[in-house]
Amino acid sequence: MATTRSSSIRNFFVAAILLFLIHGVSSFYLPGVAPEDFEKGDELKVKVNKLTSTKTQLPYSYYSLPFCRPEKILDSAENLGEVLRGDRIENSPYVFKMREPQMCGIVGRIKLDAKDAKEFKEKINDEYRVNMILDNLPLVFPIQRQDQESPVVYQMGYHVGLKGQYTASKDEKYFIHNHLAFTVRYHKDVQTDSARIVGFEVKPFSVKHEYEGNWNDKNTRLTTCDPHAKHTVVNSNSPQEVDDGREIVFTYDVEFQESGVKWASRWDAYLLMSDDQIHWFSIVNSLMIVLFLSGMVAMIMLRTLYRDISKYNELETLEEAQEETGWKLVHGDVFRAPKNSDLLCVYVGTGVQFLGMVVVTMMFAILGFLSPSNRGGLMTAMLLLWVFMGLFAGFAAARLYKMFKGTEWKKVALKTAVMFPATIFAIFFVLNALIWGQKSSGAVPFGTMFALVFLWFGISVPLVFVGSYVGFKKPAIEDPVKTNKIPRQIPEQAWYMHPAFSVLIGGILPFGAVFIELFFILTSIWLNQFYYIFGFLFLVFIILLITCAEITIVLCYFQLCSEDYLWWWRSYLTSGSSALYLFLYSTFYFFTKLEITKLVSGVLYFGYMSIVSYAFFVLTGTIGFYACFWFTRLIYSSVKID
C-alpha cells in the first residue's frame, strides 16, 4: 500500500515537472478573460486603442487625429497598468455583424484643413500605427516571410499611412490608409451554432474614393468600391493623398473565416516564438558560466578551505600560532561594522523587497495568471507586490542594523521606505512632465499619480515600519568571532585587488548570463512586441542568482586572503556593478536597433533605462551581499580562534 502511494506521489511530481518544462518554457498561460459566444448576426463592437510609434515612443489617443468618430466617444475602464502603459481604449464607428461579410462599408468622410493635414503628415512621418481591439484581441497585420514554409509573422496594428512618389515625379507625398480589409477568424461550436472569435487581422489600403452625385452620409454609392458591381479594393494603385483641402472617405471590408484554432489557444499566434533556439542557446551559454563559477567555488570550499581549516584547527605550537596567514589573519576585523552601515542596511532591505517582487511576479506569470489578454496586468501586479514586499524590506534592514549595534531603527526604516522609491519617483515625474509637454496619452493623469503616492505612503511605508519593528525586536545576529577594538592595518594591495578593478570585473559574468535574454526584453518594451516566455526568463533568473552569489564569493575569498577585511560594501558593489553593463548595453541597443530621432524620446529611453539599471543594481547587489555574508560566517565559524 505504501509503495503504491509513494509511486503515485512520485508520478505526480514527475508530471508536474514535465508540465512546467513543456508549458512554462513555451509560455503557458491561463486565458485572463472568460470566453464570449456569438450567434450569427450578433453585433461585434471594435474598440480603438492608442497610436504607437517605435520612432518616438510617445503614444497618442486614436481621436487625437481627425478620424471619423462615433456619435459619442466612450472610454473603457482601464487598470493601473494600462494607464501607466499609455493605453486609452475607446469605442469606434466600426461595427460588424457576426459571420455576415460586408463589402465597402462606409465609415464616414472628412475634409482636411491645413492643421489636420499637418497632424496626419507628422504621424505618417513618425511611422505611427493604429491599434484596435475586438473581443479583447488586438488587431494584427500579417506578414508572410520570404521563406514560404515559415509561419506568418504578425505586427501589432497598421500604419496610419505611408510616404511615396507618383510615377515620373520626385516630390515625396503622404498617403493615408483609408480602406481597411478586416478578417475575423472564428471557431464554431459543433453542437450549437454559436462561435468564438480567435483572430482579428487587417490589410490596409490607400484609395482615392469617388462617388456619384452629392454626398449623402452612408447611403452614398461609391464608384471606386461597389459591392453591387463586384468592384472591391485589392490594391493601392490610386492612393489617397493627404493635403490641405483634400476629401477623404473611410471604408472597410469584413471577411469571416472559420478556424480550427480553439479559443484557449487564440493567443498562440501572437506569442509565436520563432527564435526559441536562441533562447536555449542563451540558457546553455549562461549555464557554462555557472558551471565555471561553481567549479571555482567548489575548489575554494573543498580544497583550499578544507585544507586551511584543518591546518588552523590542528594543535599548533606557539611559534606556528603567531605566524597566521591568509584569511584567518583578519578574523578580528572581518565583522567590524562598515562605514555608512545604515545606508548599507537600507540598500539591502530595498534589494530584498525587489527580490521578493520579482520572484512572486515570475511565479504568477509562469502559472499563467498574467496572461497578455489581461492588458496591464503584469505592471499592476508588480506595483502591488512591490508595495506589500515593504514588510520584508523593513525586516531585513532592521535585522542587519541591529547586528551593527545600531539603535535608531526608525530612522533606517524611514530611509528604507522612502529613499529608493523617491529616486524612482523623481525621475518618473520629470519624464512624465516631458510626455505631458508632448500632449501624449502616455502622460500619467493626476488621479493615477495620486493613487501611486497613496500606495507608497498609505501602504508601503507603514508595512516597512511594521517589518522593521518585528526585525528589531528579534535577538541580534551573533558574530562567529570577536571583533578587535583597534582596527588592523590593511597591507598594500596588488593592482588586480584594487576595489574599483575587482568590482568592475565582478559585474561582467552576471551580465553575461542574462544579456541575450535582455535583448528580447528590450525588443518587447521598445519595439512594441509581446514578451511572454516567462519559463525561459525564470531559468535565466535562477542562473543570474547563482552567478551573482558565486562571483561575489570567489572575489570575497581572494580579498580576505590578501588581508583586506573591508568586504561589506564591496560584496554589494561586486555583483551590483552588472547594472553598469546593463546600462551600457542599453546604450548600444539604442544606437544600433532603435530609430529614435526626437530629443524627448531619447531622454525618455535613457530615463527609463536608468530606472531599470538602478533597480537591477539593487537586486543583484543584495544577492551578492547575502552570498558573501553567508560565506564569511560559514568559514569563520569553522575555525578555532584563540
Foldseek 3Di string as FASTA:
>chain_A
DVVVVVVVVVVVVVVVVVCLVVPQQLFHAFDQDDFDWAFFFDKWWKKWKWKAFLQQRFTAGPVVAVDQADPDKDWDDDDLLCLLSLITIITGQDMDTPQDWDFWFWSWKDWAAAVNLVVLVVQQVRFIFIWMDISLDIEWAWDQDPPNVDDIATDTGGTQWYWDDDPPDPDIFIFGQQEKEKEWEWAADPVDRIITTLHIYIDTEFEQWDFPDDDDTRVTAIPCIHVVVPRHDDHHPPGQTRDHRGMGIHTYIYHYHYDPDDNRCSCCSQSPDPPVVLLVVLLVQLVVLLVVLVVLVCCCVPPVLVVVQVVQAPDDDPVVVVPDAFLVVQLQALLQQDPPNLVLLLLLLLLQLLVQLVVVLLVCLSHRNQPVSSPSSSVVSSLLSSLLSLLSSLLSSLLSCVLNVHDPSVVSLQCSLDVLVVVLVVLVVVLLVLSVVVVGSSRNDPVSVVVSVCSSVVGRSVSSVNSNVVNNPDDHDDFLDHHDPDRDDQDDDDPCLPLVNLLLVLQPSLLSSCVSVVVVVCCCSSVVGDDRSSSSVVSSVVSSLSSLLSSLQSSCSVCSNSVHSNNQQSLLSNNLSNLVVQLVVLVVCCVPPGNHDDPSSVSSSSSVSVSVSVSSSSNSSSSSNVSNVVNVRVSSNSHDDD
